[in-house]
Amino acid sequence: MVLARDYTYIDDVVSAFEKVIQNQISNETINVGNSHPIPLSGLIRIIENETKRKILFAKKPFLAAEARITYANIKHAKKVINWEPQVEFKEGMKRFIQWYRFSRWNL
């Protein structure tokens, strides 16, 4: 069974917040996400490729209440605030890993 999540790069989230503020929107729900679920195996593969390290992990059974796949429907965000994510998942992970390496060793 596949476990997949809809990851969103932080710059895209900030961009959505800025558009909500600029458009003076309040009391309205606007989904913000990448709208493209990535399997956990894809996340692991990208981290391994970017870090040049093998990830050791143990497969565990799914929790009964756990959602197998999550993703955001961003049609409303496109319509109301003219927003959609700009950073592809792989690029976002690359940027995150670079940031983490820099911040971890240069505090």
PDB file of N, CA and C in Angstrom:
ATOM      1  N   MET A   1       0.836  -1.186   0.000  1.00  0.00           N
ATOM      2  CA  MET A   1       0.000   0.000   0.000  1.00  0.00           C
ATOM      3  C   MET A   1       0.882   1.251   0.000  1.00  0.00           C
ATOM      4  N   VAL A   2       0.495   2.253  -0.741  1.00  0.00           N
ATOM      5  CA  VAL A   2       1.280   3.471  -0.915  1.00  0.00           C
ATOM      6  C   VAL A   2       0.913   4.507   0.150  1.00  0.00           C
ATOM      7  N   LEU A   3       1.937   5.145   0.678  1.00  0.00           N
ATOM      8  CA  LEU A   3       1.755   6.279   1.569  1.00  0.00           C
ATOM      9  C   LEU A   3       2.312   7.488   0.834  1.00  0.00           C
ATOM     10  N   ALA A   4       1.478   8.484   0.576  1.00  0.00           N
ATOM     11  CA  ALA A   4       1.914   9.659  -0.181  1.00  0.00           C
ATOM     12  C   ALA A   4       1.401  10.930   0.496  1.00  0.00           C
ATOM     13  N   ARG A   5       2.207  11.955   0.447  1.00  0.00           N
ATOM     14  CA  ARG A   5       1.864  13.239   1.059  1.00  0.00           C
ATOM     15  C   ARG A   5       2.066  14.361   0.054  1.00  0.00           C
ATOM     16  N   ASP A   6       1.334  15.440   0.304  1.00  0.00           N
ATOM     17  CA  ASP A   6       1.397  16.630  -0.542  1.00  0.00           C
ATOM     18  C   ASP A   6       2.306  17.635   0.149  1.00  0.00           C
ATOM     19  N   TYR A   7       3.573  17.666  -0.235  1.00  0.00           N
ATOM     20  CA  TYR A   7       4.549  18.562   0.375  1.00  0.00           C
ATOM     21  C   TYR A   7       4.534  19.911  -0.343  1.00  0.00           C
ATOM     22  N   THR A   8       4.663  20.976   0.444  1.00  0.00           N
ATOM     23  CA  THR A   8       4.647  22.327  -0.110  1.00  0.00           C
ATOM     24  C   THR A   8       5.865  23.084   0.391  1.00  0.00           C
ATOM     25  N   TYR A   9       6.596  23.696  -0.516  1.00  0.00           N
ATOM     26  CA  TYR A   9       7.796  24.441  -0.144  1.00  0.00           C
ATOM     27  C   TYR A   9       7.387  25.715   0.592  1.00  0.00           C
ATOM     28  N   ILE A  10       8.142  26.072   1.615  1.00  0.00           N
ATOM     29  CA  ILE A  10       7.788  27.183   2.492  1.00  0.00           C
ATOM     30  C   ILE A  10       7.638  28.512   1.740  1.00  0.00           C
ATOM     31  N   ASP A  11       8.443  28.767   0.736  1.00  0.00           N
ATOM     32  CA  ASP A  11       8.306  30.022  -0.021  1.00  0.00           C
ATOM     33  C   ASP A  11       6.944  30.104  -0.705  1.00  0.00           C
ATOM     34  N   ASP A  12       6.404  28.963  -1.135  1.00  0.00           N
ATOM     35  CA  ASP A  12       5.079  28.947  -1.745  1.00  0.00           C
ATOM     36  C   ASP A  12       3.991  29.232  -0.716  1.00  0.00           C
ATOM     37  N   VAL A  13       4.163  28.718   0.498  1.00  0.00           N
ATOM     38  CA  VAL A  13       3.203  28.985   1.567  1.00  0.00           C
ATOM     39  C   VAL A  13       3.214  30.469   1.918  1.00  0.00           C
ATOM     40  N   VAL A  14       4.401  31.037   2.044  1.00  0.00           N
ATOM     41  CA  VAL A  14       4.523  32.465   2.352  1.00  0.00           C
ATOM     42  C   VAL A  14       3.888  33.299   1.246  1.00  0.00           C
ATOM     43  N   SER A  15       4.107  32.924   0.017  1.00  0.00           N
ATOM     44  CA  SER A  15       3.512  33.631  -1.123  1.00  0.00           C
ATOM     45  C   SER A  15       1.976  33.629  -1.037  1.00  0.00           C
ATOM     46  N   ALA A  16       1.413  32.503  -0.659  1.00  0.00           N
ATOM     47  CA  ALA A  16      -0.042  32.413  -0.518  1.00  0.00           C
ATOM     48  C   ALA A  16      -0.535  33.335   0.597  1.00  0.00           C
ATOM     49  N   PHE A  17       0.163  33.342   1.735  1.00  0.00           N
ATOM     50  CA  PHE A  17      -0.205  34.234   2.835  1.00  0.00           C
ATOM     51  C   PHE A  17      -0.149  35.689   2.396  1.00  0.00           C
ATOM     52  N   GLU A  18       0.896  36.055   1.669  1.00  0.00           N
ATOM     53  CA  GLU A  18       1.022  37.431   1.189  1.00  0.00           C
ATOM     54  C   GLU A  18      -0.156  37.807   0.297  1.00  0.00           C
ATOM     55  N   LYS A  19      -0.564  36.901  -0.574  1.00  0.00           N
ATOM     56  CA  LYS A  19      -1.699  37.187  -1.465  1.00  0.00           C
ATOM     57  C   LYS A  19      -3.010  37.308  -0.691  1.00  0.00           C
ATOM     58  N   VAL A  20      -3.179  36.503   0.346  1.00  0.00           N
ATOM     59  CA  VAL A  20      -4.371  36.608   1.192  1.00  0.00           C
ATOM     60  C   VAL A  20      -4.411  37.980   1.852  1.00  0.00           C
ATOM     61  N   ILE A  21      -3.267  38.420   2.368  1.00  0.00           N
ATOM     62  CA  ILE A  21      -3.187  39.732   3.025  1.00  0.00           C
ATOM     63  C   ILE A  21      -3.423  40.853   2.011  1.00  0.00           C
ATOM     64  N   GLN A  22      -2.780  40.772   0.855  1.00  0.00           N
ATOM     65  CA  GLN A  22      -2.947  41.798  -0.178  1.00  0.00           C
ATOM     66  C   GLN A  22      -4.402  41.923  -0.635  1.00  0.00           C
ATOM     67  N   ASN A  23      -5.087  40.785  -0.694  1.00  0.00           N
ATOM     68  CA  ASN A  23      -6.480  40.778  -1.138  1.00  0.00           C
ATOM     69  C   ASN A  23      -7.467  40.972   0.014  1.00  0.00           C
ATOM     70  N   GLN A  24      -6.933  41.215   1.198  1.00  0.00           N
ATOM     71  CA  GLN A  24      -7.736  41.468   2.396  1.00  0.00           C
ATOM     72  C   GLN A  24      -8.826  40.413   2.596  1.00  0.00           C
ATOM     73  N   ILE A  25      -8.429  39.165   2.497  1.00  0.00           N
ATOM     74  CA  ILE A  25      -9.369  38.058   2.665  1.00  0.00           C
ATOM     75  C   ILE A  25      -9.358  37.618   4.117  1.00  0.00           C
ATOM     76  N   SER A  26     -10.548  37.448   4.672  1.00  0.00           N
ATOM     77  CA  SER A  26     -10.649  36.950   6.048  1.00  0.00           C
ATOM     78  C   SER A  26     -11.842  36.007   6.131  1.00  0.00           C
ATOM     79  N   ASN A  27     -11.824  35.160   7.115  1.00  0.00           N
ATOM     80  CA  ASN A  27     -12.916  34.218   7.357  1.00  0.00           C
ATOM     81  C   ASN A  27     -13.233  33.344   6.153  1.00  0.00           C
ATOM     82  N   GLU A  28     -12.206  32.931   5.465  1.00  0.00           N
ATOM     83  CA  GLU A  28     -12.391  32.068   4.300  1.00  0.00           C
ATOM     84  C   GLU A  28     -11.306  30.998   4.308  1.00  0.00           C
ATOM     85  N   THR A  29     -11.692  29.784   3.981  1.00  0.00           N
ATOM     86  CA  THR A  29     -10.730  28.694   3.933  1.00  0.00           C
ATOM     87  C   THR A  29     -10.157  28.588   2.529  1.00  0.00           C
ATOM     88  N   ILE A  30      -8.832  28.628   2.448  1.00  0.00           N
ATOM     89  CA  ILE A  30      -8.144  28.503   1.162  1.00  0.00           C
ATOM     90  C   ILE A  30      -7.075  27.434   1.320  1.00  0.00           C
ATOM     91  N   ASN A  31      -7.229  26.348   0.603  1.00  0.00           N
ATOM     92  CA  ASN A  31      -6.229  25.283   0.647  1.00  0.00           C
ATOM     93  C   ASN A  31      -4.967  25.719  -0.068  1.00  0.00           C
ATOM     94  N   VAL A  32      -3.854  25.493   0.581  1.00  0.00           N
ATOM     95  CA  VAL A  32      -2.546  25.791   0.016  1.00  0.00           C
ATOM     96  C   VAL A  32      -1.760  24.496   0.014  1.00  0.00           C
ATOM     97  N   GLY A  33      -1.270  24.106  -1.130  1.00  0.00           N
ATOM     98  CA  GLY A  33      -0.497  22.876  -1.226  1.00  0.00           C
ATOM     99  C   GLY A  33       0.094  22.745  -2.606  1.00  0.00           C
ATOM    100  N   ASN A  34       0.784  21.658  -2.806  1.00  0.00           N
ATOM    101  CA  ASN A  34       1.415  21.415  -4.097  1.00  0.00           C
ATOM    102  C   ASN A  34       0.472  20.706  -5.055  1.00  0.00           C
ATOM    103  N   SER A  35      -0.525  20.032  -4.478  1.00  0.00           N
ATOM    104  CA  SER A  35      -1.555  19.342  -5.247  1.00  0.00           C
ATOM    105  C   SER A  35      -1.011  18.161  -6.054  1.00  0.00           C
ATOM    106  N   HIS A  36       0.171  17.668  -5.657  1.00  0.00           N
ATOM    107  CA  HIS A  36       0.786  16.497  -6.293  1.00  0.00           C
ATOM    108  C   HIS A  36       1.384  15.602  -5.212  1.00  0.00           C
ATOM    109  N   PRO A  37       0.631  14.602  -4.753  1.00  0.00           N
ATOM    110  CA  PRO A  37       1.162  13.734  -3.698  1.00  0.00           C
ATOM    111  C   PRO A  37       2.440  13.017  -4.129  1.00  0.00           C
ATOM    112  N   ILE A  38       3.382  12.948  -3.219  1.00  0.00           N
ATOM    113  CA  ILE A  38       4.661  12.280  -3.457  1.00  0.00           C
ATOM    114  C   ILE A  38       4.715  11.045  -2.555  1.00  0.00           C
ATOM    115  N   PRO A  39       4.952   9.872  -3.123  1.00  0.00           N
ATOM    116  CA  PRO A  39       5.076   8.675  -2.279  1.00  0.00           C
ATOM    117  C   PRO A  39       6.268   8.804  -1.327  1.00  0.00           C
ATOM    118  N   LEU A  40       6.137   8.218  -0.155  1.00  0.00           N
ATOM    119  CA  LEU A  40       7.224   8.251   0.814  1.00  0.00           C
ATOM    120  C   LEU A  40       8.512   7.714   0.196  1.00  0.00           C
ATOM    121  N   SER A  41       8.401   6.703  -0.644  1.00  0.00           N
ATOM    122  CA  SER A  41       9.590   6.158  -1.310  1.00  0.00           C
ATOM    123  C   SER A  41      10.258   7.204  -2.203  1.00  0.00           C
ATOM    124  N   GLY A  42       9.478   8.086  -2.816  1.00  0.00           N
ATOM    125  CA  GLY A  42      10.034   9.166  -3.635  1.00  0.00           C
ATOM    126  C   GLY A  42      10.781  10.187  -2.793  1.00  0.00           C
ATOM    127  N   LEU A  43      10.228  10.497  -1.623  1.00  0.00           N
ATOM    128  CA  LEU A  43      10.899  11.409  -0.695  1.00  0.00           C
ATOM    129  C   LEU A  43      12.239  10.821  -0.268  1.00  0.00           C
ATOM    130  N   ILE A  44      12.237   9.557   0.102  1.00  0.00           N
ATOM    131  CA  ILE A  44      13.468   8.891   0.537  1.00  0.00           C
ATOM    132  C   ILE A  44      14.503   8.891  -0.581  1.00  0.00           C
ATOM    133  N   ARG A  45      14.085   8.574  -1.784  1.00  0.00           N
ATOM    134  CA  ARG A  45      14.998   8.524  -2.926  1.00  0.00           C
ATOM    135  C   ARG A  45      15.643   9.886  -3.194  1.00  0.00           C
ATOM    136  N   ILE A  46      14.858  10.953  -3.123  1.00  0.00           N
ATOM    137  CA  ILE A  46      15.395  12.295  -3.364  1.00  0.00           C
ATOM    138  C   ILE A  46      16.395  12.681  -2.277  1.00  0.00           C
ATOM    139  N   ILE A  47      16.067  12.394  -1.024  1.00  0.00           N
ATOM    140  CA  ILE A  47      17.000  12.704   0.067  1.00  0.00           C
ATOM    141  C   ILE A  47      18.292  11.917  -0.106  1.00  0.00           C
ATOM    142  N   GLU A  48      18.182  10.649  -0.456  1.00  0.00           N
ATOM    143  CA  GLU A  48      19.380   9.838  -0.676  1.00  0.00           C
ATOM    144  C   GLU A  48      20.226  10.406  -1.813  1.00  0.00           C
ATOM    145  N   ASN A  49      19.589  10.798  -2.908  1.00  0.00           N
ATOM    146  CA  ASN A  49      20.326  11.348  -4.052  1.00  0.00           C
ATOM    147  C   ASN A  49      21.003  12.669  -3.706  1.00  0.00           C
ATOM    148  N   GLU A  50      20.315  13.525  -2.991  1.00  0.00           N
ATOM    149  CA  GLU A  50      20.862  14.842  -2.661  1.00  0.00           C
ATOM    150  C   GLU A  50      21.962  14.770  -1.604  1.00  0.00           C
ATOM    151  N   THR A  51      21.838  13.838  -0.678  1.00  0.00           N
ATOM    152  CA  THR A  51      22.817  13.744   0.405  1.00  0.00           C
ATOM    153  C   THR A  51      23.920  12.734   0.119  1.00  0.00           C
ATOM    154  N   LYS A  52      23.721  11.934  -0.925  1.00  0.00           N
ATOM    155  CA  LYS A  52      24.681  10.866  -1.269  1.00  0.00           C
ATOM    156  C   LYS A  52      24.835   9.886  -0.113  1.00  0.00           C
ATOM    157  N   ARG A  53      23.749   9.653   0.607  1.00  0.00           N
ATOM    158  CA  ARG A  53      23.751   8.721   1.739  1.00  0.00           C
ATOM    159  C   ARG A  53      22.534   7.805   1.641  1.00  0.00           C
ATOM    160  N   LYS A  54      22.695   6.603   2.101  1.00  0.00           N
ATOM    161  CA  LYS A  54      21.619   5.623   2.126  1.00  0.00           C
ATOM    162  C   LYS A  54      20.821   5.795   3.414  1.00  0.00           C
ATOM    163  N   ILE A  55      19.508   5.825   3.295  1.00  0.00           N
ATOM    164  CA  ILE A  55      18.642   5.935   4.461  1.00  0.00           C
ATOM    165  C   ILE A  55      18.232   4.532   4.889  1.00  0.00           C
ATOM    166  N   LEU A  56      18.478   4.239   6.133  1.00  0.00           N
ATOM    167  CA  LEU A  56      18.049   2.959   6.699  1.00  0.00           C
ATOM    168  C   LEU A  56      16.723   3.187   7.416  1.00  0.00           C
ATOM    169  N   PHE A  57      15.726   2.397   7.064  1.00  0.00           N
ATOM    170  CA  PHE A  57      14.424   2.565   7.695  1.00  0.00           C
ATOM    171  C   PHE A  57      13.748   1.212   7.855  1.00  0.00           C
ATOM    172  N   ALA A  58      12.811   1.171   8.759  1.00  0.00           N
ATOM    173  CA  ALA A  58      12.036  -0.045   9.006  1.00  0.00           C
ATOM    174  C   ALA A  58      10.592   0.209   8.598  1.00  0.00           C
ATOM    175  N   LYS A  59      10.034  -0.684   7.819  1.00  0.00           N
ATOM    176  CA  LYS A  59       8.627  -0.557   7.438  1.00  0.00           C
ATOM    177  C   LYS A  59       7.758  -0.980   8.607  1.00  0.00           C
ATOM    178  N   LYS A  60       6.795  -0.146   8.911  1.00  0.00           N
ATOM    179  CA  LYS A  60       5.858  -0.413   9.999  1.00  0.00           C
ATOM    180  C   LYS A  60       4.450  -0.509   9.412  1.00  0.00           C
ATOM    181  N   PRO A  61       3.558  -1.193  10.083  1.00  0.00           N
ATOM    182  CA  PRO A  61       2.178  -1.262   9.581  1.00  0.00           C
ATOM    183  C   PRO A  61       1.510   0.113   9.654  1.00  0.00           C
ATOM    184  N   PHE A  62       0.592   0.347   8.727  1.00  0.00           N
ATOM    185  CA  PHE A  62      -0.162   1.597   8.746  1.00  0.00           C
ATOM    186  C   PHE A  62      -1.057   1.642   9.971  1.00  0.00           C
ATOM    187  N   LEU A  63      -1.239   2.822  10.507  1.00  0.00           N
ATOM    188  CA  LEU A  63      -2.214   3.006  11.569  1.00  0.00           C
ATOM    189  C   LEU A  63      -3.597   3.019  10.926  1.00  0.00           C
ATOM    190  N   ALA A  64      -4.576   2.476  11.590  1.00  0.00           N
ATOM    191  CA  ALA A  64      -5.922   2.369  11.019  1.00  0.00           C
ATOM    192  C   ALA A  64      -6.493   3.738  10.635  1.00  0.00           C
ATOM    193  N   ALA A  65      -6.215   4.757  11.429  1.00  0.00           N
ATOM    194  CA  ALA A  65      -6.785   6.083  11.183  1.00  0.00           C
ATOM    195  C   ALA A  65      -5.929   6.951  10.259  1.00  0.00           C
ATOM    196  N   GLU A  66      -4.812   6.431   9.815  1.00  0.00           N
ATOM    197  CA  GLU A  66      -3.890   7.223   9.012  1.00  0.00           C
ATOM    198  C   GLU A  66      -4.360   7.345   7.557  1.00  0.00           C
ATOM    199  N   ALA A  67      -4.356   8.558   7.050  1.00  0.00           N
ATOM    200  CA  ALA A  67      -4.691   8.774   5.642  1.00  0.00           C
ATOM    201  C   ALA A  67      -3.561   8.231   4.782  1.00  0.00           C
ATOM    202  N   ARG A  68      -3.891   7.471   3.776  1.00  0.00           N
ATOM    203  CA  ARG A  68      -2.875   6.875   2.909  1.00  0.00           C
ATOM    204  C   ARG A  68      -2.282   7.907   1.947  1.00  0.00           C
ATOM    205  N   ILE A  69      -3.132   8.801   1.457  1.00  0.00           N
ATOM    206  CA  ILE A  69      -2.697   9.832   0.513  1.00  0.00           C
ATOM    207  C   ILE A  69      -3.335  11.157   0.923  1.00  0.00           C
ATOM    208  N   THR A  70      -2.525  12.220   0.932  1.00  0.00           N
ATOM    209  CA  THR A  70      -3.067  13.562   1.173  1.00  0.00           C
ATOM    210  C   THR A  70      -2.662  14.472   0.017  1.00  0.00           C
ATOM    211  N   TYR A  71      -3.531  15.359  -0.342  1.00  0.00           N
ATOM    212  CA  TYR A  71      -3.199  16.385  -1.327  1.00  0.00           C
ATOM    213  C   TYR A  71      -4.220  17.510  -1.244  1.00  0.00           C
ATOM    214  N   ALA A  72      -3.770  18.690  -1.597  1.00  0.00           N
ATOM    215  CA  ALA A  72      -4.616  19.875  -1.509  1.00  0.00           C
ATOM    216  C   ALA A  72      -5.303  20.142  -2.842  1.00  0.00           C
ATOM    217  N   ASN A  73      -6.574  20.455  -2.766  1.00  0.00           N
ATOM    218  CA  ASN A  73      -7.303  20.935  -3.932  1.00  0.00           C
ATOM    219  C   ASN A  73      -7.133  22.451  -3.928  1.00  0.00           C
ATOM    220  N   ILE A  74      -6.368  22.970  -4.888  1.00  0.00           N
ATOM    221  CA  ILE A  74      -6.023  24.397  -4.874  1.00  0.00           C
ATOM    222  C   ILE A  74      -6.825  25.226  -5.879  1.00  0.00           C
ATOM    223  N   LYS A  75      -7.904  24.679  -6.387  1.00  0.00           N
ATOM    224  CA  LYS A  75      -8.732  25.419  -7.351  1.00  0.00           C
ATOM    225  C   LYS A  75      -9.213  26.745  -6.772  1.00  0.00           C
ATOM    226  N   HIS A  76      -9.630  26.724  -5.508  1.00  0.00           N
ATOM    227  CA  HIS A  76     -10.127  27.947  -4.873  1.00  0.00           C
ATOM    228  C   HIS A  76      -9.007  28.973  -4.716  1.00  0.00           C
ATOM    229  N   ALA A  77      -7.814  28.517  -4.372  1.00  0.00           N
ATOM    230  CA  ALA A  77      -6.670  29.429  -4.233  1.00  0.00           C
ATOM    231  C   ALA A  77      -6.344  30.084  -5.575  1.00  0.00           C
ATOM    232  N   LYS A  78      -6.414  29.306  -6.636  1.00  0.00           N
ATOM    233  CA  LYS A  78      -6.160  29.862  -7.973  1.00  0.00           C
ATOM    234  C   LYS A  78      -7.192  30.932  -8.310  1.00  0.00           C
ATOM    235  N   LYS A  79      -8.438  30.662  -7.971  1.00  0.00           N
ATOM    236  CA  LYS A  79      -9.529  31.579  -8.309  1.00  0.00           C
ATOM    237  C   LYS A  79      -9.527  32.837  -7.436  1.00  0.00           C
ATOM    238  N   VAL A  80      -9.408  32.663  -6.128  1.00  0.00           N
ATOM    239  CA  VAL A  80      -9.582  33.778  -5.195  1.00  0.00           C
ATOM    240  C   VAL A  80      -8.349  34.661  -5.071  1.00  0.00           C
ATOM    241  N   ILE A  81      -7.164  34.057  -5.030  1.00  0.00           N
ATOM    242  CA  ILE A  81      -5.949  34.865  -4.834  1.00  0.00           C
ATOM    243  C   ILE A  81      -4.950  34.709  -5.983  1.00  0.00           C
ATOM    244  N   ASN A  82      -5.364  34.033  -7.035  1.00  0.00           N
ATOM    245  CA  ASN A  82      -4.502  33.835  -8.210  1.00  0.00           C
ATOM    246  C   ASN A  82      -3.153  33.230  -7.798  1.00  0.00           C
ATOM    247  N   TRP A  83      -3.239  32.145  -7.022  1.00  0.00           N
ATOM    248  CA  TRP A  83      -2.043  31.518  -6.483  1.00  0.00           C
ATOM    249  C   TRP A  83      -1.927  30.070  -6.918  1.00  0.00           C
ATOM    250  N   GLU A  84      -0.707  29.670  -7.188  1.00  0.00           N
ATOM    251  CA  GLU A  84      -0.366  28.260  -7.335  1.00  0.00           C
ATOM    252  C   GLU A  84       1.111  28.109  -6.999  1.00  0.00           C
ATOM    253  N   PRO A  85       1.508  26.923  -6.542  1.00  0.00           N
ATOM    254  CA  PRO A  85       2.901  26.744  -6.132  1.00  0.00           C
ATOM    255  C   PRO A  85       3.867  26.908  -7.291  1.00  0.00           C
ATOM    256  N   GLN A  86       5.049  27.422  -6.979  1.00  0.00           N
ATOM    257  CA  GLN A  86       6.067  27.672  -8.000  1.00  0.00           C
ATOM    258  C   GLN A  86       7.263  26.735  -7.895  1.00  0.00           C
ATOM    259  N   VAL A  87       7.463  26.135  -6.724  1.00  0.00           N
ATOM    260  CA  VAL A  87       8.649  25.317  -6.497  1.00  0.00           C
ATOM    261  C   VAL A  87       8.277  23.835  -6.570  1.00  0.00           C
ATOM    262  N   GLU A  88       8.876  23.140  -7.524  1.00  0.00           N
ATOM    263  CA  GLU A  88       8.657  21.702  -7.659  1.00  0.00           C
ATOM    264  C   GLU A  88       9.214  20.972  -6.436  1.00  0.00           C
ATOM    265  N   PHE A  89       8.648  19.826  -6.132  1.00  0.00           N
ATOM    266  CA  PHE A  89       9.037  19.077  -4.949  1.00  0.00           C
ATOM    267  C   PHE A  89      10.533  18.800  -4.894  1.00  0.00           C
ATOM    268  N   LYS A  90      11.090  18.274  -5.968  1.00  0.00           N
ATOM    269  CA  LYS A  90      12.517  17.913  -5.972  1.00  0.00           C
ATOM    270  C   LYS A  90      13.389  19.146  -5.726  1.00  0.00           C
ATOM    271  N   GLU A  91      13.056  20.249  -6.353  1.00  0.00           N
ATOM    272  CA  GLU A  91      13.811  21.491  -6.157  1.00  0.00           C
ATOM    273  C   GLU A  91      13.667  21.984  -4.721  1.00  0.00           C
ATOM    274  N   GLY A  92      12.462  21.889  -4.167  1.00  0.00           N
ATOM    275  CA  GLY A  92      12.240  22.307  -2.788  1.00  0.00           C
ATOM    276  C   GLY A  92      13.054  21.477  -1.808  1.00  0.00           C
ATOM    277  N   MET A  93      13.133  20.166  -2.055  1.00  0.00           N
ATOM    278  CA  MET A  93      13.937  19.306  -1.187  1.00  0.00           C
ATOM    279  C   MET A  93      15.419  19.651  -1.308  1.00  0.00           C
ATOM    280  N   LYS A  94      15.861  19.933  -2.507  1.00  0.00           N
ATOM    281  CA  LYS A  94      17.265  20.320  -2.721  1.00  0.00           C
ATOM    282  C   LYS A  94      17.579  21.600  -1.940  1.00  0.00           C
ATOM    283  N   ARG A  95      16.693  22.583  -2.032  1.00  0.00           N
ATOM    284  CA  ARG A  95      16.895  23.839  -1.306  1.00  0.00           C
ATOM    285  C   ARG A  95      16.859  23.610   0.201  1.00  0.00           C
ATOM    286  N   PHE A  96      15.934  22.773   0.667  1.00  0.00           N
ATOM    287  CA  PHE A  96      15.832  22.495   2.096  1.00  0.00           C
ATOM    288  C   PHE A  96      17.103  21.837   2.613  1.00  0.00           C
ATOM    289  N   ILE A  97      17.607  20.866   1.889  1.00  0.00           N
ATOM    290  CA  ILE A  97      18.822  20.166   2.318  1.00  0.00           C
ATOM    291  C   ILE A  97      20.005  21.129   2.355  1.00  0.00           C
ATOM    292  N   GLN A  98      20.115  22.000   1.361  1.00  0.00           N
ATOM    293  CA  GLN A  98      21.194  22.996   1.358  1.00  0.00           C
ATOM    294  C   GLN A  98      21.055  23.924   2.564  1.00  0.00           C
ATOM    295  N   TRP A  99      19.829  24.381   2.824  1.00  0.00           N
ATOM    296  CA  TRP A  99      19.588  25.254   3.973  1.00  0.00           C
ATOM    297  C   TRP A  99      19.943  24.542   5.262  1.00  0.00           C
ATOM    298  N   TYR A 100      19.505  23.302   5.408  1.00  0.00           N
ATOM    299  CA  TYR A 100      19.761  22.541   6.630  1.00  0.00           C
ATOM    300  C   TYR A 100      21.257  22.367   6.865  1.00  0.00           C
ATOM    301  N   ARG A 101      21.963  21.997   5.823  1.00  0.00           N
ATOM    302  CA  ARG A 101      23.413  21.828   5.961  1.00  0.00           C
ATOM    303  C   ARG A 101      24.075  23.130   6.383  1.00  0.00           C
ATOM    304  N   PHE A 102      23.685  24.222   5.768  1.00  0.00           N
ATOM    305  CA  PHE A 102      24.279  25.516   6.079  1.00  0.00           C
ATOM    306  C   PHE A 102      23.930  25.933   7.506  1.00  0.00           C
ATOM    307  N   SER A 103      22.653  25.853   7.875  1.00  0.00           N
ATOM    308  CA  SER A 103      22.232  26.326   9.199  1.00  0.00           C
ATOM    309  C   SER A 103      22.758  25.442  10.311  1.00  0.00           C
ATOM    310  N   ARG A 104      22.887  24.163  10.038  1.00  0.00           N
ATOM    311  CA  ARG A 104      23.366  23.224  11.055  1.00  0.00           C
ATOM    312  C   ARG A 104      24.825  23.488  11.415  1.00  0.00           C
ATOM    313  N   TRP A 105      25.630  23.801  10.422  1.00  0.00           N
ATOM    314  CA  TRP A 105      27.064  23.953  10.655  1.00  0.00           C
ATOM    315  C   TRP A 105      27.512  25.398  10.774  1.00  0.00           C
ATOM    316  N   ASN A 106      26.641  26.346  10.498  1.00  0.00           N
ATOM    317  CA  ASN A 106      27.048  27.749  10.528  1.00  0.00           C
ATOM    318  C   ASN A 106      26.214  28.581  11.482  1.00  0.00           C
ATOM    319  N   LEU A 107      25.772  28.007  12.575  1.00  0.00           N
ATOM    320  CA  LEU A 107      24.989  28.780  13.547  1.00  0.00           C
ATOM    321  C   LEU A 107      25.851  29.732  14.334  1.00  0.00           C
TER     322      LEU A 107
END
